[in-house]
Amino acid sequence: MEIVILALAYPAAIALLFYFVFLRPVQQQERRRRQVLAHLEVGDTVLTQAGFIATVKDIVVPASGGPPEILLDLGNGVEVRALASAIVQRWPGSGAPKGLAEAEARRSKG
């Protein structure tokens, strides 16, 4: 009888471990990403999947119920359209990370 219980307990323990180590963190991260997208506003600075740091200029929700499109301003008058799913996160700060801004300043000086 003990062998049968152990034979059932090991796969169940492995399944629980797999869920808590792999699946649950991914689900939580996806839930947080959806919340960020739901609260996205014009003027927010965002990071895209392509690595672009851009400012949200307009959010268009199609009447047909398709995925929302976001008009992004990359700077210097460059605007691109992207799907909301291309937004990875809201970027903290003024739009450029401190290290990148310092590198740009050094590059322009010399």
C-alpha atoms as a PDB file:
ATOM      1  CA  MET A   1       0.000   0.000   0.000  1.00  0.00           C
ATOM      2  CA  GLU A   2       2.854   2.414   0.834  1.00  0.00           C
ATOM      3  CA  ILE A   3       4.436   1.830  -2.571  1.00  0.00           C
ATOM      4  CA  VAL A   4       1.219   2.818  -4.350  1.00  0.00           C
ATOM      5  CA  ILE A   5       0.979   6.036  -2.337  1.00  0.00           C
ATOM      6  CA  LEU A   6       4.622   6.881  -3.048  1.00  0.00           C
ATOM      7  CA  ALA A   7       4.162   6.041  -6.721  1.00  0.00           C
ATOM      8  CA  LEU A   8       1.332   8.596  -6.889  1.00  0.00           C
ATOM      9  CA  ALA A   9       2.971  11.193  -4.622  1.00  0.00           C
ATOM     10  CA  TYR A  10       6.162  11.631  -6.654  1.00  0.00           C
ATOM     11  CA  PRO A  11       4.468  12.618  -9.951  1.00  0.00           C
ATOM     12  CA  ALA A  12       2.078  14.891  -8.049  1.00  0.00           C
ATOM     13  CA  ALA A  13       4.985  16.583  -6.255  1.00  0.00           C
ATOM     14  CA  ILE A  14       6.839  17.052  -9.553  1.00  0.00           C
ATOM     15  CA  ALA A  15       3.720  18.530 -11.166  1.00  0.00           C
ATOM     16  CA  LEU A  16       3.280  20.992  -8.283  1.00  0.00           C
ATOM     17  CA  LEU A  17       6.945  21.961  -8.402  1.00  0.00           C
ATOM     18  CA  PHE A  18       6.738  22.500 -12.163  1.00  0.00           C
ATOM     19  CA  TYR A  19       3.670  24.717 -11.711  1.00  0.00           C
ATOM     20  CA  PHE A  20       5.154  26.897  -8.959  1.00  0.00           C
ATOM     21  CA  VAL A  21       8.617  27.190 -10.510  1.00  0.00           C
ATOM     22  CA  PHE A  22       7.739  27.648 -14.190  1.00  0.00           C
ATOM     23  CA  LEU A  23       4.084  28.317 -14.955  1.00  0.00           C
ATOM     24  CA  ARG A  24       2.965  30.587 -12.129  1.00  0.00           C
ATOM     25  CA  PRO A  25       5.731  33.222 -12.551  1.00  0.00           C
ATOM     26  CA  VAL A  26       4.992  33.447 -16.282  1.00  0.00           C
ATOM     27  CA  GLN A  27       1.277  33.901 -15.587  1.00  0.00           C
ATOM     28  CA  GLN A  28       1.981  36.643 -13.039  1.00  0.00           C
ATOM     29  CA  GLN A  29       4.314  38.458 -15.427  1.00  0.00           C
ATOM     30  CA  GLU A  30       1.698  38.318 -18.189  1.00  0.00           C
ATOM     31  CA  ARG A  31      -0.974  39.635 -15.799  1.00  0.00           C
ATOM     32  CA  ARG A  32       1.273  42.597 -14.847  1.00  0.00           C
ATOM     33  CA  ARG A  33       1.981  43.324 -18.531  1.00  0.00           C
ATOM     34  CA  ARG A  34      -1.749  43.360 -19.306  1.00  0.00           C
ATOM     35  CA  GLN A  35      -2.344  45.789 -16.430  1.00  0.00           C
ATOM     36  CA  VAL A  36       0.355  48.129 -17.755  1.00  0.00           C
ATOM     37  CA  LEU A  37      -1.201  48.041 -21.221  1.00  0.00           C
ATOM     38  CA  ALA A  38      -4.669  48.687 -19.816  1.00  0.00           C
ATOM     39  CA  HIS A  39      -3.445  51.813 -17.990  1.00  0.00           C
ATOM     40  CA  LEU A  40      -1.279  53.137 -20.822  1.00  0.00           C
ATOM     41  CA  GLU A  41      -1.864  56.833 -21.549  1.00  0.00           C
ATOM     42  CA  VAL A  42      -0.794  59.361 -24.155  1.00  0.00           C
ATOM     43  CA  GLY A  43       2.549  60.847 -23.105  1.00  0.00           C
ATOM     44  CA  ASP A  44       3.833  57.698 -21.375  1.00  0.00           C
ATOM     45  CA  THR A  45       7.337  56.552 -22.256  1.00  0.00           C
ATOM     46  CA  VAL A  46       7.466  52.860 -23.160  1.00  0.00           C
ATOM     47  CA  LEU A  47       9.935  50.145 -24.126  1.00  0.00           C
ATOM     48  CA  THR A  48       9.005  48.041 -27.179  1.00  0.00           C
ATOM     49  CA  GLN A  49       9.944  44.455 -27.998  1.00  0.00           C
ATOM     50  CA  ALA A  50      12.341  45.808 -30.613  1.00  0.00           C
ATOM     51  CA  GLY A  51      14.203  47.733 -27.904  1.00  0.00           C
ATOM     52  CA  PHE A  52      12.931  51.173 -28.897  1.00  0.00           C
ATOM     53  CA  ILE A  53      12.233  53.691 -26.153  1.00  0.00           C
ATOM     54  CA  ALA A  54       9.365  55.811 -27.409  1.00  0.00           C
ATOM     55  CA  THR A  55       6.622  58.167 -26.267  1.00  0.00           C
ATOM     56  CA  VAL A  56       2.978  57.215 -26.783  1.00  0.00           C
ATOM     57  CA  LYS A  57       1.448  59.826 -29.061  1.00  0.00           C
ATOM     58  CA  ASP A  58      -1.974  58.268 -29.722  1.00  0.00           C
ATOM     59  CA  ILE A  59      -3.912  55.103 -28.905  1.00  0.00           C
ATOM     60  CA  VAL A  60      -6.385  53.844 -31.521  1.00  0.00           C
ATOM     61  CA  VAL A  61      -8.916  51.148 -30.665  1.00  0.00           C
ATOM     62  CA  PRO A  62     -10.483  49.824 -33.888  1.00  0.00           C
ATOM     63  CA  ALA A  63     -14.280  49.770 -34.014  1.00  0.00           C
ATOM     64  CA  SER A  64     -14.135  46.213 -35.393  1.00  0.00           C
ATOM     65  CA  GLY A  65     -12.694  45.005 -32.089  1.00  0.00           C
ATOM     66  CA  GLY A  66      -9.204  44.249 -33.340  1.00  0.00           C
ATOM     67  CA  PRO A  67      -6.038  44.763 -31.345  1.00  0.00           C
ATOM     68  CA  PRO A  68      -5.329  48.346 -30.238  1.00  0.00           C
ATOM     69  CA  GLU A  69      -2.783  50.268 -32.291  1.00  0.00           C
ATOM     70  CA  ILE A  70      -0.409  52.732 -30.675  1.00  0.00           C
ATOM     71  CA  LEU A  71       1.267  55.633 -32.432  1.00  0.00           C
ATOM     72  CA  LEU A  72       4.789  55.967 -31.001  1.00  0.00           C
ATOM     73  CA  ASP A  73       7.108  58.959 -31.275  1.00  0.00           C
ATOM     74  CA  LEU A  74      10.741  57.800 -31.435  1.00  0.00           C
ATOM     75  CA  GLY A  75      12.105  61.353 -31.456  1.00  0.00           C
ATOM     76  CA  ASN A  76      13.250  63.760 -34.171  1.00  0.00           C
ATOM     77  CA  GLY A  77       9.820  63.549 -35.806  1.00  0.00           C
ATOM     78  CA  VAL A  78       9.967  59.784 -36.376  1.00  0.00           C
ATOM     79  CA  GLU A  79       6.607  58.168 -35.693  1.00  0.00           C
ATOM     80  CA  VAL A  80       5.725  54.491 -35.969  1.00  0.00           C
ATOM     81  CA  ARG A  81       2.509  52.503 -35.542  1.00  0.00           C
ATOM     82  CA  ALA A  82       2.641  49.398 -33.378  1.00  0.00           C
ATOM     83  CA  LEU A  83       0.254  46.924 -31.853  1.00  0.00           C
ATOM     84  CA  ALA A  84      -0.265  47.177 -28.121  1.00  0.00           C
ATOM     85  CA  SER A  85       1.268  43.718 -27.743  1.00  0.00           C
ATOM     86  CA  ALA A  86       4.617  45.172 -28.895  1.00  0.00           C
ATOM     87  CA  ILE A  87       4.866  47.209 -25.683  1.00  0.00           C
ATOM     88  CA  VAL A  88       6.998  45.410 -23.114  1.00  0.00           C
ATOM     89  CA  GLN A  89       6.828  47.882 -20.238  1.00  0.00           C
ATOM     90  CA  ARG A  90       6.319  51.477 -19.252  1.00  0.00           C
ATOM     91  CA  TRP A  91       9.764  53.098 -19.128  1.00  0.00           C
ATOM     92  CA  PRO A  92      10.571  54.894 -15.872  1.00  0.00           C
ATOM     93  CA  GLY A  93      12.016  58.376 -16.059  1.00  0.00           C
ATOM     94  CA  SER A  94      12.343  60.865 -18.851  1.00  0.00           C
ATOM     95  CA  GLY A  95      12.563  58.469 -21.759  1.00  0.00           C
ATOM     96  CA  ALA A  96      16.219  57.502 -21.835  1.00  0.00           C
ATOM     97  CA  PRO A  97      18.141  55.575 -19.242  1.00  0.00           C
ATOM     98  CA  LYS A  98      20.830  57.566 -17.465  1.00  0.00           C
ATOM     99  CA  GLY A  99      23.687  55.528 -18.946  1.00  0.00           C
ATOM    100  CA  LEU A 100      22.374  55.998 -22.481  1.00  0.00           C
ATOM    101  CA  ALA A 101      21.920  59.753 -22.033  1.00  0.00           C
ATOM    102  CA  GLU A 102      25.482  60.083 -20.708  1.00  0.00           C
ATOM    103  CA  ALA A 103      26.856  58.026 -23.602  1.00  0.00           C
ATOM    104  CA  GLU A 104      25.028  60.234 -26.123  1.00  0.00           C
ATOM    105  CA  ALA A 105      26.379  63.382 -24.450  1.00  0.00           C
ATOM    106  CA  ARG A 106      29.950  62.048 -24.590  1.00  0.00           C
ATOM    107  CA  ARG A 107      29.547  61.014 -28.219  1.00  0.00           C
ATOM    108  CA  SER A 108      28.272  64.471 -29.246  1.00  0.00           C
ATOM    109  CA  LYS A 109      31.166  66.225 -27.481  1.00  0.00           C
ATOM    110  CA  GLY A 110      33.930  64.326 -29.167  1.00  0.00           C
END
